Amino acid sequence: MKFLVFLGTVRNSTPPRPARLGVRVSKASMACLNSQFPEHEFELIDALDYSLDTVFKPQFAYAKGKAPTELNVLAKKIEVADGFVMISPEYNHSMSPALANLLNHFGSSLFSYKPSAIVTYSAGQWGGMRAAVNMRTFLSELGCLSVSAMIHIPKAQDVFTEDGSVQEGEDQASWFGYFGRTFNQLEWWAQATNNHKAVVNPHTMVQDFKVTPEQRNAP
């Protein structure tokens, strides 16, 4: 199976130094996923790699074939992915605006009927847990419901080095064991949804709306 790991931060400076603390978390997450599930494929999607227009226009709002190439490429990756890992810092008790903005560029049908896992972090003591609660609602609306276990990393700069390995004095096995509970749930649900989609096409069964949001309305 294939999973996309979204890193949802674009800040290049943050107290305390070093910058882009999320890079450390994403590298540690990727290392854990690759060691735990060598049979699957994991690709990092960094929000900083996408230069999105100031005026919001999602990929699906363009005429067919007219959307920016980078959006079309990412849309295809989301469509064929079997699950997602969403990594975010906490801003004002909410998820990263950069992550929300990137995900909002794609229709929920690309994410639907696939599981997601939430990873949050902070330079302080809370580990982004309040953002994680906010993310559950957001990911549910996209259709990629988050698994029950979540990962929170307080004082991430004291846990991981720049290459994603643990700082001296930290135990990698313990951290990977903590990560593993969430990632095991993600893998289980991805396998389960894959198996059932082979039997029942969820888009056909549910009859997703195709034209206007009013198709959701009660009579």
N, C-alpha and C. Protein backbone atom coordinates (compact mmCIF):
# COMPACT_ATOMS: atom_id res chain seq x y z
N MET A 1 0.84 -1.19 0.00
CA MET A 1 0.00 0.00 0.00
C MET A 1 0.88 1.25 0.00
N LYS A 2 0.26 2.37 -0.34
CA LYS A 2 0.99 3.64 -0.38
C LYS A 2 0.33 4.64 0.56
N PHE A 3 1.17 5.35 1.31
CA PHE A 3 0.71 6.35 2.25
C PHE A 3 1.42 7.68 1.98
N LEU A 4 0.69 8.77 2.12
CA LEU A 4 1.26 10.11 2.01
C LEU A 4 1.41 10.69 3.41
N VAL A 5 2.58 11.25 3.69
CA VAL A 5 2.87 11.89 4.97
C VAL A 5 2.95 13.39 4.74
N PHE A 6 1.94 14.13 5.20
CA PHE A 6 1.88 15.57 4.97
C PHE A 6 2.56 16.31 6.12
N LEU A 7 3.54 17.14 5.78
CA LEU A 7 4.18 18.02 6.76
C LEU A 7 3.58 19.41 6.59
N GLY A 8 2.82 19.85 7.57
CA GLY A 8 2.03 21.06 7.42
C GLY A 8 2.60 22.28 8.08
N THR A 9 3.83 22.62 7.81
CA THR A 9 4.39 23.86 8.33
C THR A 9 5.26 24.51 7.27
N VAL A 10 5.18 25.83 7.18
CA VAL A 10 6.02 26.56 6.22
C VAL A 10 6.83 27.65 6.92
N ARG A 11 6.73 27.72 8.23
CA ARG A 11 7.49 28.74 8.97
C ARG A 11 8.97 28.42 8.92
N ASN A 12 9.78 29.42 8.59
CA ASN A 12 11.22 29.20 8.55
C ASN A 12 11.93 29.78 9.77
N SER A 13 11.15 30.25 10.73
CA SER A 13 11.75 30.69 11.99
C SER A 13 10.69 30.55 13.07
N THR A 14 11.13 30.05 14.19
CA THR A 14 10.20 29.87 15.30
C THR A 14 10.99 29.75 16.60
N PRO A 15 10.50 30.34 17.66
CA PRO A 15 11.19 30.16 18.94
C PRO A 15 10.84 28.82 19.56
N PRO A 16 11.74 28.10 20.21
CA PRO A 16 13.18 28.37 20.15
C PRO A 16 13.77 27.82 18.87
N ARG A 17 14.95 28.29 18.52
CA ARG A 17 15.62 27.74 17.36
C ARG A 17 15.87 26.25 17.58
N PRO A 18 15.96 25.42 16.58
CA PRO A 18 16.14 25.74 15.17
C PRO A 18 14.82 25.91 14.43
N ALA A 19 14.92 26.37 13.20
CA ALA A 19 13.74 26.60 12.38
C ALA A 19 13.13 25.28 11.93
N ARG A 20 11.84 25.35 11.56
CA ARG A 20 11.09 24.23 10.99
C ARG A 20 11.26 22.96 11.82
N LEU A 21 10.79 23.06 13.04
CA LEU A 21 10.86 21.93 13.97
C LEU A 21 10.15 20.71 13.40
N GLY A 22 9.14 20.94 12.59
CA GLY A 22 8.38 19.84 12.02
C GLY A 22 9.19 18.93 11.12
N VAL A 23 10.27 19.44 10.54
CA VAL A 23 11.13 18.61 9.69
C VAL A 23 11.69 17.45 10.50
N ARG A 24 12.09 17.73 11.73
CA ARG A 24 12.62 16.68 12.60
C ARG A 24 11.54 15.62 12.88
N VAL A 25 10.34 16.09 13.15
CA VAL A 25 9.24 15.18 13.44
C VAL A 25 8.90 14.34 12.21
N SER A 26 8.89 14.97 11.05
CA SER A 26 8.55 14.23 9.82
C SER A 26 9.62 13.18 9.50
N LYS A 27 10.88 13.50 9.71
CA LYS A 27 11.94 12.53 9.45
C LYS A 27 11.86 11.36 10.42
N ALA A 28 11.55 11.64 11.67
CA ALA A 28 11.39 10.57 12.65
C ALA A 28 10.19 9.70 12.30
N SER A 29 9.10 10.33 11.88
CA SER A 29 7.91 9.58 11.49
C SER A 29 8.19 8.69 10.30
N MET A 30 8.88 9.24 9.30
CA MET A 30 9.20 8.45 8.10
C MET A 30 10.11 7.28 8.46
N ALA A 31 11.08 7.51 9.35
CA ALA A 31 11.99 6.44 9.75
C ALA A 31 11.23 5.33 10.45
N CYS A 32 10.31 5.70 11.33
CA CYS A 32 9.51 4.71 12.05
C CYS A 32 8.62 3.93 11.08
N LEU A 33 7.94 4.62 10.19
CA LEU A 33 7.04 3.97 9.23
C LEU A 33 7.80 3.00 8.33
N ASN A 34 8.94 3.44 7.81
CA ASN A 34 9.71 2.59 6.90
C ASN A 34 10.29 1.36 7.60
N SER A 35 10.65 1.51 8.87
CA SER A 35 11.19 0.36 9.59
C SER A 35 10.09 -0.59 10.03
N GLN A 36 8.92 -0.04 10.33
CA GLN A 36 7.81 -0.85 10.82
C GLN A 36 7.07 -1.56 9.69
N PHE A 37 7.02 -0.90 8.52
CA PHE A 37 6.27 -1.45 7.39
C PHE A 37 7.10 -1.39 6.11
N PRO A 38 8.15 -2.18 6.01
CA PRO A 38 9.01 -2.12 4.82
C PRO A 38 8.29 -2.56 3.55
N GLU A 39 7.13 -3.23 3.70
CA GLU A 39 6.39 -3.69 2.52
C GLU A 39 5.54 -2.59 1.90
N HIS A 40 5.39 -1.46 2.58
CA HIS A 40 4.57 -0.36 2.07
C HIS A 40 5.44 0.80 1.60
N GLU A 41 4.82 1.75 0.90
CA GLU A 41 5.53 2.92 0.38
C GLU A 41 5.04 4.17 1.10
N PHE A 42 5.96 5.00 1.52
CA PHE A 42 5.63 6.24 2.23
C PHE A 42 6.30 7.41 1.53
N GLU A 43 5.53 8.44 1.23
CA GLU A 43 6.07 9.61 0.55
C GLU A 43 5.76 10.86 1.35
N LEU A 44 6.78 11.69 1.57
CA LEU A 44 6.60 12.93 2.31
C LEU A 44 6.11 14.03 1.38
N ILE A 45 5.02 14.70 1.78
CA ILE A 45 4.49 15.85 1.06
C ILE A 45 4.70 17.07 1.95
N ASP A 46 5.62 17.93 1.57
CA ASP A 46 5.98 19.11 2.37
C ASP A 46 5.24 20.32 1.84
N ALA A 47 4.43 20.95 2.69
CA ALA A 47 3.65 22.11 2.28
C ALA A 47 4.54 23.23 1.73
N LEU A 48 5.79 23.28 2.17
CA LEU A 48 6.70 24.32 1.71
C LEU A 48 7.07 24.15 0.24
N ASP A 49 6.87 22.97 -0.31
CA ASP A 49 7.21 22.71 -1.71
C ASP A 49 6.14 23.18 -2.68
N TYR A 50 5.03 23.72 -2.15
CA TYR A 50 3.92 24.12 -3.02
C TYR A 50 3.70 25.63 -2.91
N SER A 51 3.94 26.32 -4.03
CA SER A 51 3.77 27.78 -4.07
C SER A 51 2.35 28.07 -4.53
N LEU A 52 1.42 28.08 -3.60
CA LEU A 52 0.01 28.25 -3.92
C LEU A 52 -0.32 29.73 -4.12
N ASP A 53 -1.26 30.01 -5.03
CA ASP A 53 -1.66 31.38 -5.31
C ASP A 53 -2.24 32.04 -4.08
N THR A 54 -2.07 33.38 -4.00
CA THR A 54 -2.65 34.13 -2.89
C THR A 54 -4.17 34.05 -2.92
N VAL A 55 -4.74 34.16 -4.13
CA VAL A 55 -6.18 34.02 -4.29
C VAL A 55 -6.51 32.54 -4.36
N PHE A 56 -7.34 32.06 -3.44
CA PHE A 56 -7.61 30.63 -3.33
C PHE A 56 -8.40 30.12 -4.51
N LYS A 57 -7.88 29.07 -5.14
CA LYS A 57 -8.60 28.38 -6.20
C LYS A 57 -8.20 26.92 -6.15
N PRO A 58 -9.12 26.04 -5.73
CA PRO A 58 -8.76 24.63 -5.59
C PRO A 58 -8.56 23.94 -6.93
N GLN A 59 -7.88 22.82 -6.87
CA GLN A 59 -7.54 22.07 -8.09
C GLN A 59 -8.78 21.71 -8.89
N PHE A 60 -9.86 21.35 -8.22
CA PHE A 60 -11.05 20.89 -8.92
C PHE A 60 -11.88 22.04 -9.52
N ALA A 61 -11.51 23.30 -9.21
CA ALA A 61 -12.26 24.44 -9.74
C ALA A 61 -11.76 24.88 -11.12
N TYR A 62 -10.62 24.38 -11.52
CA TYR A 62 -10.08 24.71 -12.84
C TYR A 62 -10.79 23.88 -13.92
N ALA A 63 -10.82 24.44 -15.13
CA ALA A 63 -11.30 23.65 -16.26
C ALA A 63 -10.39 22.44 -16.43
N LYS A 64 -10.95 21.36 -16.96
CA LYS A 64 -10.20 20.12 -17.07
C LYS A 64 -8.88 20.34 -17.81
N GLY A 65 -7.79 19.93 -17.15
CA GLY A 65 -6.46 20.05 -17.75
C GLY A 65 -5.81 21.41 -17.58
N LYS A 66 -6.50 22.36 -16.92
CA LYS A 66 -5.98 23.72 -16.80
C LYS A 66 -5.39 24.03 -15.42
N ALA A 67 -5.52 23.13 -14.49
CA ALA A 67 -4.96 23.39 -13.16
C ALA A 67 -3.44 23.34 -13.22
N PRO A 68 -2.75 24.04 -12.31
CA PRO A 68 -1.29 23.97 -12.27
C PRO A 68 -0.81 22.52 -12.17
N THR A 69 0.28 22.23 -12.84
CA THR A 69 0.78 20.86 -12.91
C THR A 69 1.02 20.27 -11.53
N GLU A 70 1.60 21.06 -10.62
CA GLU A 70 1.91 20.52 -9.30
C GLU A 70 0.65 20.11 -8.54
N LEU A 71 -0.45 20.83 -8.77
CA LEU A 71 -1.70 20.44 -8.13
C LEU A 71 -2.27 19.17 -8.74
N ASN A 72 -2.18 19.06 -10.05
CA ASN A 72 -2.67 17.84 -10.71
C ASN A 72 -1.87 16.61 -10.27
N VAL A 73 -0.56 16.78 -10.15
CA VAL A 73 0.29 15.66 -9.73
C VAL A 73 -0.06 15.23 -8.31
N LEU A 74 -0.21 16.21 -7.41
CA LEU A 74 -0.54 15.87 -6.03
C LEU A 74 -1.95 15.28 -5.93
N ALA A 75 -2.88 15.78 -6.73
CA ALA A 75 -4.24 15.23 -6.73
C ALA A 75 -4.21 13.74 -7.08
N LYS A 76 -3.40 13.39 -8.05
CA LYS A 76 -3.30 11.98 -8.44
C LYS A 76 -2.69 11.15 -7.32
N LYS A 77 -1.68 11.70 -6.64
CA LYS A 77 -1.07 10.98 -5.53
C LYS A 77 -2.06 10.74 -4.40
N ILE A 78 -2.88 11.75 -4.11
CA ILE A 78 -3.89 11.61 -3.06
C ILE A 78 -4.92 10.56 -3.47
N GLU A 79 -5.30 10.58 -4.73
CA GLU A 79 -6.33 9.66 -5.22
C GLU A 79 -5.90 8.20 -5.10
N VAL A 80 -4.64 7.91 -5.37
CA VAL A 80 -4.19 6.51 -5.36
C VAL A 80 -3.64 6.08 -3.99
N ALA A 81 -3.49 7.03 -3.07
CA ALA A 81 -2.97 6.68 -1.74
C ALA A 81 -3.98 5.84 -0.97
N ASP A 82 -3.49 5.04 -0.06
CA ASP A 82 -4.34 4.18 0.77
C ASP A 82 -4.57 4.75 2.16
N GLY A 83 -3.80 5.77 2.54
CA GLY A 83 -3.96 6.38 3.85
C GLY A 83 -3.01 7.56 3.98
N PHE A 84 -3.18 8.31 5.07
CA PHE A 84 -2.45 9.56 5.22
C PHE A 84 -1.95 9.73 6.67
N VAL A 85 -0.79 10.36 6.79
CA VAL A 85 -0.29 10.82 8.09
C VAL A 85 -0.23 12.33 8.02
N MET A 86 -0.90 13.01 8.95
CA MET A 86 -0.98 14.47 8.95
C MET A 86 -0.16 15.02 10.12
N ILE A 87 0.91 15.74 9.80
CA ILE A 87 1.81 16.28 10.83
C ILE A 87 1.62 17.79 10.91
N SER A 88 1.33 18.28 12.10
CA SER A 88 1.03 19.71 12.25
C SER A 88 1.52 20.26 13.58
N PRO A 89 1.99 21.51 13.57
CA PRO A 89 2.19 22.23 14.83
C PRO A 89 0.84 22.77 15.30
N GLU A 90 0.84 23.47 16.39
CA GLU A 90 -0.38 24.07 16.92
C GLU A 90 -0.28 25.59 16.86
N TYR A 91 -1.22 26.22 16.17
CA TYR A 91 -1.31 27.68 16.12
C TYR A 91 -2.65 28.09 16.71
N ASN A 92 -2.63 28.81 17.82
CA ASN A 92 -3.87 29.30 18.44
C ASN A 92 -4.87 28.16 18.68
N HIS A 93 -4.36 27.06 19.22
CA HIS A 93 -5.16 25.89 19.55
C HIS A 93 -5.74 25.23 18.30
N SER A 94 -5.20 25.50 17.14
CA SER A 94 -5.71 24.94 15.90
C SER A 94 -4.58 24.36 15.08
N MET A 95 -4.96 23.62 14.03
CA MET A 95 -3.97 23.05 13.13
C MET A 95 -3.29 24.15 12.32
N SER A 96 -2.20 23.80 11.69
CA SER A 96 -1.45 24.75 10.88
C SER A 96 -2.29 25.28 9.72
N PRO A 97 -2.38 26.60 9.54
CA PRO A 97 -3.09 27.15 8.38
C PRO A 97 -2.49 26.67 7.07
N ALA A 98 -1.19 26.43 7.03
CA ALA A 98 -0.54 25.96 5.80
C ALA A 98 -1.04 24.58 5.42
N LEU A 99 -1.22 23.70 6.41
CA LEU A 99 -1.71 22.36 6.13
C LEU A 99 -3.17 22.41 5.67
N ALA A 100 -3.99 23.19 6.38
CA ALA A 100 -5.40 23.32 5.99
C ALA A 100 -5.52 23.88 4.58
N ASN A 101 -4.72 24.89 4.27
CA ASN A 101 -4.77 25.50 2.95
C ASN A 101 -4.40 24.51 1.86
N LEU A 102 -3.35 23.74 2.08
CA LEU A 102 -2.93 22.76 1.07
C LEU A 102 -4.01 21.70 0.86
N LEU A 103 -4.54 21.14 1.94
CA LEU A 103 -5.54 20.09 1.82
C LEU A 103 -6.83 20.61 1.20
N ASN A 104 -7.17 21.87 1.48
CA ASN A 104 -8.39 22.45 0.94
C ASN A 104 -8.37 22.62 -0.58
N HIS A 105 -7.21 22.46 -1.18
CA HIS A 105 -7.11 22.59 -2.64
C HIS A 105 -7.61 21.35 -3.37
N PHE A 106 -8.04 20.33 -2.63
CA PHE A 106 -8.42 19.07 -3.28
C PHE A 106 -9.78 18.60 -2.77
N GLY A 107 -10.54 18.01 -3.69
CA GLY A 107 -11.87 17.54 -3.34
C GLY A 107 -11.83 16.41 -2.34
N SER A 108 -12.85 16.36 -1.50
CA SER A 108 -12.88 15.32 -0.46
C SER A 108 -12.98 13.93 -1.05
N SER A 109 -13.47 13.82 -2.28
CA SER A 109 -13.59 12.49 -2.89
C SER A 109 -12.24 11.81 -3.07
N LEU A 110 -11.17 12.61 -3.14
CA LEU A 110 -9.83 12.04 -3.28
C LEU A 110 -9.35 11.42 -1.97
N PHE A 111 -9.82 11.95 -0.85
CA PHE A 111 -9.41 11.48 0.47
C PHE A 111 -10.36 10.42 1.04
N SER A 112 -11.57 10.37 0.54
CA SER A 112 -12.64 9.62 1.18
C SER A 112 -12.39 8.12 1.26
N TYR A 113 -12.91 7.53 2.35
CA TYR A 113 -12.87 6.09 2.59
C TYR A 113 -11.45 5.58 2.76
N LYS A 114 -10.60 6.45 3.31
CA LYS A 114 -9.22 6.08 3.63
C LYS A 114 -8.92 6.61 5.03
N PRO A 115 -8.13 5.92 5.82
CA PRO A 115 -7.83 6.38 7.17
C PRO A 115 -6.69 7.40 7.19
N SER A 116 -6.62 8.12 8.30
CA SER A 116 -5.52 9.06 8.51
C SER A 116 -5.03 8.93 9.94
N ALA A 117 -3.81 9.40 10.17
CA ALA A 117 -3.23 9.42 11.51
C ALA A 117 -2.76 10.84 11.80
N ILE A 118 -2.96 11.28 13.01
CA ILE A 118 -2.61 12.64 13.41
C ILE A 118 -1.33 12.63 14.24
N VAL A 119 -0.38 13.48 13.82
CA VAL A 119 0.87 13.68 14.56
C VAL A 119 1.01 15.17 14.82
N THR A 120 1.09 15.58 16.07
CA THR A 120 1.29 16.98 16.40
C THR A 120 2.52 17.14 17.29
N TYR A 121 3.04 18.33 17.31
CA TYR A 121 4.26 18.60 18.08
C TYR A 121 4.27 20.06 18.51
N SER A 122 5.14 20.36 19.46
CA SER A 122 5.33 21.75 19.87
C SER A 122 6.69 21.91 20.51
N ALA A 123 7.10 23.16 20.63
CA ALA A 123 8.33 23.46 21.35
C ALA A 123 8.07 23.49 22.85
N GLY A 124 6.81 23.59 23.25
CA GLY A 124 6.43 23.63 24.65
C GLY A 124 5.90 22.29 25.14
N GLN A 125 5.15 22.34 26.24
CA GLN A 125 4.83 21.12 26.97
C GLN A 125 3.59 20.37 26.48
N TRP A 126 2.77 20.98 25.62
CA TRP A 126 1.49 20.35 25.29
C TRP A 126 1.56 19.44 24.06
N GLY A 127 2.58 19.55 23.26
CA GLY A 127 2.74 18.65 22.13
C GLY A 127 1.73 18.83 21.02
N GLY A 128 1.05 19.97 20.99
CA GLY A 128 0.09 20.23 19.93
C GLY A 128 -1.22 19.50 20.08
N MET A 129 -1.53 18.99 21.26
CA MET A 129 -2.72 18.14 21.43
C MET A 129 -4.02 18.88 21.15
N ARG A 130 -4.04 20.21 21.40
CA ARG A 130 -5.28 20.94 21.15
C ARG A 130 -5.51 21.09 19.65
N ALA A 131 -4.43 21.20 18.89
CA ALA A 131 -4.57 21.21 17.42
C ALA A 131 -5.10 19.87 16.93
N ALA A 132 -4.69 18.80 17.58
CA ALA A 132 -5.10 17.46 17.16
C ALA A 132 -6.61 17.29 17.27
N VAL A 133 -7.21 17.84 18.33
CA VAL A 133 -8.66 17.76 18.50
C VAL A 133 -9.34 18.49 17.35
N ASN A 134 -8.82 19.64 17.00
CA ASN A 134 -9.34 20.41 15.87
C ASN A 134 -9.21 19.64 14.56
N MET A 135 -8.12 18.92 14.41
CA MET A 135 -7.85 18.19 13.17
C MET A 135 -8.83 17.03 12.96
N ARG A 136 -9.31 16.44 14.04
CA ARG A 136 -10.26 15.33 13.89
C ARG A 136 -11.48 15.75 13.08
N THR A 137 -12.03 16.92 13.40
CA THR A 137 -13.20 17.42 12.68
C THR A 137 -12.87 17.69 11.22
N PHE A 138 -11.75 18.32 10.99
CA PHE A 138 -11.33 18.68 9.63
C PHE A 138 -11.15 17.43 8.77
N LEU A 139 -10.43 16.44 9.29
CA LEU A 139 -10.15 15.23 8.52
C LEU A 139 -11.42 14.40 8.32
N SER A 140 -12.32 14.43 9.29
CA SER A 140 -13.59 13.74 9.14
C SER A 140 -14.38 14.32 7.98
N GLU A 141 -14.39 15.63 7.85
CA GLU A 141 -15.11 16.27 6.75
C GLU A 141 -14.49 15.92 5.40
N LEU A 142 -13.17 15.76 5.36
CA LEU A 142 -12.53 15.33 4.12
C LEU A 142 -12.88 13.88 3.78
N GLY A 143 -13.26 13.13 4.78
CA GLY A 143 -13.61 11.73 4.56
C GLY A 143 -12.52 10.76 4.94
N CYS A 144 -11.37 11.28 5.37
CA CYS A 144 -10.28 10.39 5.81
C CYS A 144 -10.22 10.41 7.34
N LEU A 145 -11.15 9.70 7.95
CA LEU A 145 -11.28 9.72 9.40
C LEU A 145 -9.99 9.31 10.08
N SER A 146 -9.65 10.01 11.15
CA SER A 146 -8.41 9.70 11.86
C SER A 146 -8.60 8.51 12.78
N VAL A 147 -7.56 7.71 12.93
CA VAL A 147 -7.61 6.58 13.86
C VAL A 147 -7.63 7.12 15.29
N SER A 148 -8.04 6.29 16.23
CA SER A 148 -8.26 6.77 17.60
C SER A 148 -6.96 7.19 18.29
N ALA A 149 -5.88 6.45 18.07
CA ALA A 149 -4.61 6.81 18.70
C ALA A 149 -3.98 8.00 17.97
N MET A 150 -3.39 8.88 18.74
CA MET A 150 -2.71 10.04 18.15
C MET A 150 -1.30 10.15 18.72
N ILE A 151 -0.45 10.90 18.04
CA ILE A 151 0.93 11.11 18.48
C ILE A 151 1.11 12.58 18.83
N HIS A 152 1.57 12.85 20.04
CA HIS A 152 1.86 14.22 20.48
C HIS A 152 3.30 14.27 20.98
N ILE A 153 4.05 15.24 20.51
CA ILE A 153 5.47 15.33 20.87
C ILE A 153 5.75 16.69 21.51
N PRO A 154 5.79 16.78 22.84
CA PRO A 154 6.15 18.03 23.49
C PRO A 154 7.66 18.25 23.45
N LYS A 155 8.05 19.51 23.40
CA LYS A 155 9.47 19.88 23.40
C LYS A 155 10.24 19.06 22.36
N ALA A 156 9.71 19.08 21.15
CA ALA A 156 10.26 18.22 20.09
C ALA A 156 11.73 18.50 19.80
N GLN A 157 12.17 19.74 20.05
CA GLN A 157 13.58 20.08 19.81
C GLN A 157 14.50 19.35 20.78
N ASP A 158 13.96 18.90 21.91
CA ASP A 158 14.75 18.15 22.88
C ASP A 158 14.66 16.65 22.67
N VAL A 159 13.79 16.23 21.75
CA VAL A 159 13.58 14.81 21.49
C VAL A 159 14.33 14.35 20.25
N PHE A 160 14.24 15.13 19.16
CA PHE A 160 14.81 14.72 17.89
C PHE A 160 15.87 15.69 17.38
N THR A 161 16.86 15.13 16.72
CA THR A 161 17.91 15.94 16.08
C THR A 161 17.44 16.34 14.69
N GLU A 162 18.28 17.08 13.97
CA GLU A 162 17.90 17.57 12.65
C GLU A 162 17.67 16.45 11.64
N ASP A 163 18.32 15.32 11.84
CA ASP A 163 18.13 14.21 10.89
C ASP A 163 17.01 13.25 11.33
N GLY A 164 16.31 13.60 12.39
CA GLY A 164 15.18 12.78 12.83
C GLY A 164 15.52 11.70 13.83
N SER A 165 16.79 11.54 14.14
CA SER A 165 17.16 10.56 15.17
C SER A 165 16.93 11.19 16.55
N VAL A 166 16.95 10.35 17.59
CA VAL A 166 16.66 10.88 18.92
C VAL A 166 17.89 11.56 19.51
N GLN A 167 17.62 12.55 20.34
CA GLN A 167 18.69 13.23 21.04
C GLN A 167 19.33 12.29 22.06
N GLU A 168 20.55 12.61 22.42
CA GLU A 168 21.26 11.83 23.44
C GLU A 168 20.44 11.83 24.73
N GLY A 169 20.27 10.66 25.29
CA GLY A 169 19.49 10.53 26.50
C GLY A 169 18.06 10.07 26.26
N GLU A 170 17.61 10.15 24.98
CA GLU A 170 16.28 9.66 24.62
C GLU A 170 16.38 8.24 24.09
N ASP A 171 15.32 7.47 24.27
CA ASP A 171 15.32 6.07 23.85
C ASP A 171 14.49 5.92 22.58
N GLN A 172 15.15 5.58 21.48
CA GLN A 172 14.46 5.48 20.20
C GLN A 172 13.40 4.39 20.22
N ALA A 173 13.71 3.25 20.83
CA ALA A 173 12.75 2.15 20.88
C ALA A 173 11.46 2.58 21.57
N SER A 174 11.58 3.37 22.61
CA SER A 174 10.40 3.84 23.33
C SER A 174 9.57 4.78 22.47
N TRP A 175 10.26 5.70 21.77
CA TRP A 175 9.54 6.63 20.90
C TRP A 175 8.90 5.91 19.73
N PHE A 176 9.63 4.99 19.11
CA PHE A 176 9.06 4.24 17.99
C PHE A 176 7.92 3.34 18.45
N GLY A 177 8.00 2.84 19.68
CA GLY A 177 6.90 2.06 20.23
C GLY A 177 5.66 2.92 20.42
N TYR A 178 5.88 4.15 20.87
CA TYR A 178 4.77 5.10 21.03
C TYR A 178 4.17 5.45 19.67
N PHE A 179 5.01 5.76 18.69
CA PHE A 179 4.53 6.03 17.33
C PHE A 179 3.80 4.81 16.77
N GLY A 180 4.35 3.64 17.07
CA GLY A 180 3.87 2.41 16.44
C GLY A 180 2.42 2.10 16.73
N ARG A 181 1.93 2.45 17.91
CA ARG A 181 0.52 2.18 18.23
C ARG A 181 -0.40 2.89 17.25
N THR A 182 -0.10 4.13 16.97
CA THR A 182 -0.90 4.90 16.01
C THR A 182 -0.73 4.37 14.60
N PHE A 183 0.51 4.12 14.21
CA PHE A 183 0.76 3.66 12.85
C PHE A 183 0.22 2.25 12.60
N ASN A 184 0.19 1.42 13.63
CA ASN A 184 -0.42 0.10 13.50
C ASN A 184 -1.92 0.22 13.23
N GLN A 185 -2.56 1.13 13.93
CA GLN A 185 -3.98 1.36 13.68
C GLN A 185 -4.20 1.86 12.25
N LEU A 186 -3.36 2.77 11.80
CA LEU A 186 -3.48 3.29 10.44
C LEU A 186 -3.35 2.18 9.42
N GLU A 187 -2.36 1.31 9.59
CA GLU A 187 -2.14 0.23 8.64
C GLU A 187 -3.30 -0.75 8.66
N TRP A 188 -3.83 -1.07 9.85
CA TRP A 188 -4.95 -2.00 9.96
C TRP A 188 -6.17 -1.47 9.22
N TRP A 189 -6.51 -0.21 9.46
CA TRP A 189 -7.68 0.38 8.81
C TRP A 189 -7.47 0.52 7.30
N ALA A 190 -6.27 0.85 6.88
CA ALA A 190 -6.00 0.95 5.45
C ALA A 190 -6.20 -0.39 4.76
N GLN A 191 -5.72 -1.45 5.42
CA GLN A 191 -5.90 -2.78 4.86
C GLN A 191 -7.37 -3.16 4.83
N ALA A 192 -8.08 -2.83 5.90
CA ALA A 192 -9.50 -3.18 5.97
C ALA A 192 -10.31 -2.44 4.91
N THR A 193 -10.08 -1.14 4.75
CA THR A 193 -10.83 -0.38 3.74
C THR A 193 -10.46 -0.84 2.33
N ASN A 194 -9.20 -1.18 2.13
CA ASN A 194 -8.78 -1.70 0.82
C ASN A 194 -9.52 -2.99 0.49
N ASN A 195 -9.58 -3.88 1.45
CA ASN A 195 -10.24 -5.17 1.22
C ASN A 195 -11.72 -4.98 0.91
N HIS A 196 -12.38 -4.08 1.65
CA HIS A 196 -13.82 -3.92 1.43
C HIS A 196 -14.11 -3.16 0.13
N LYS A 197 -13.25 -2.21 -0.22
CA LYS A 197 -13.45 -1.49 -1.49
C LYS A 197 -13.35 -2.42 -2.69
N ALA A 198 -12.60 -3.51 -2.52
CA ALA A 198 -12.51 -4.49 -3.60
C ALA A 198 -13.83 -5.24 -3.78
N VAL A 199 -14.66 -5.23 -2.74
CA VAL A 199 -15.95 -5.91 -2.79
C VAL A 199 -17.09 -4.94 -3.11
N VAL A 200 -17.06 -3.77 -2.46
CA VAL A 200 -18.11 -2.76 -2.63
C VAL A 200 -17.46 -1.42 -2.93
N ASN A 201 -17.83 -0.82 -4.06
CA ASN A 201 -17.33 0.51 -4.41
C ASN A 201 -18.08 1.54 -3.56
N PRO A 202 -17.38 2.24 -2.63
CA PRO A 202 -18.10 3.14 -1.72
C PRO A 202 -18.74 4.33 -2.44
N HIS A 203 -18.11 4.81 -3.50
CA HIS A 203 -18.65 5.97 -4.21
C HIS A 203 -19.97 5.61 -4.90
N THR A 204 -20.06 4.39 -5.41
CA THR A 204 -21.29 3.93 -6.04
C THR A 204 -22.37 3.67 -4.99
N MET A 205 -21.98 3.05 -3.90
CA MET A 205 -22.94 2.72 -2.85
C MET A 205 -23.53 3.98 -2.20
N VAL A 206 -22.66 4.94 -1.88
CA VAL A 206 -23.10 6.14 -1.17
C VAL A 206 -23.73 7.15 -2.13
N GLN A 207 -23.37 7.08 -3.40
CA GLN A 207 -23.85 8.02 -4.41
C GLN A 207 -23.42 9.44 -4.07
N ASP A 208 -22.11 9.66 -4.12
CA ASP A 208 -21.55 10.98 -3.84
C ASP A 208 -22.16 12.03 -4.75
N PHE A 209 -22.32 13.25 -4.21
CA PHE A 209 -22.83 14.32 -5.07
C PHE A 209 -21.75 14.71 -6.08
N LYS A 210 -22.18 15.05 -7.28
CA LYS A 210 -21.24 15.31 -8.37
C LYS A 210 -21.38 16.72 -8.95
N VAL A 211 -22.47 17.40 -8.67
CA VAL A 211 -22.72 18.68 -9.35
C VAL A 211 -22.67 19.85 -8.38
N THR A 212 -23.58 19.87 -7.39
CA THR A 212 -23.65 20.97 -6.45
C THR A 212 -23.77 20.44 -5.03
N PRO A 213 -23.33 21.21 -4.05
CA PRO A 213 -23.47 20.78 -2.66
C PRO A 213 -24.92 20.58 -2.24
N GLU A 214 -25.88 21.22 -2.95
CA GLU A 214 -27.30 21.08 -2.60
C GLU A 214 -27.76 19.62 -2.69
N GLN A 215 -26.99 18.79 -3.42
CA GLN A 215 -27.37 17.39 -3.49
C GLN A 215 -27.30 16.69 -2.13
N ARG A 216 -26.65 17.34 -1.17
CA ARG A 216 -26.59 16.80 0.19
C ARG A 216 -27.83 17.13 1.00
N ASN A 217 -28.61 18.11 0.55
CA ASN A 217 -29.67 18.66 1.37
C ASN A 217 -30.81 17.68 1.59
N ALA A 218 -31.49 17.85 2.73
CA ALA A 218 -32.71 17.09 2.98
C ALA A 218 -33.81 17.58 2.03
N PRO A 219 -34.81 16.74 1.77
CA PRO A 219 -35.90 17.15 0.88
C PRO A 219 -36.63 18.39 1.40
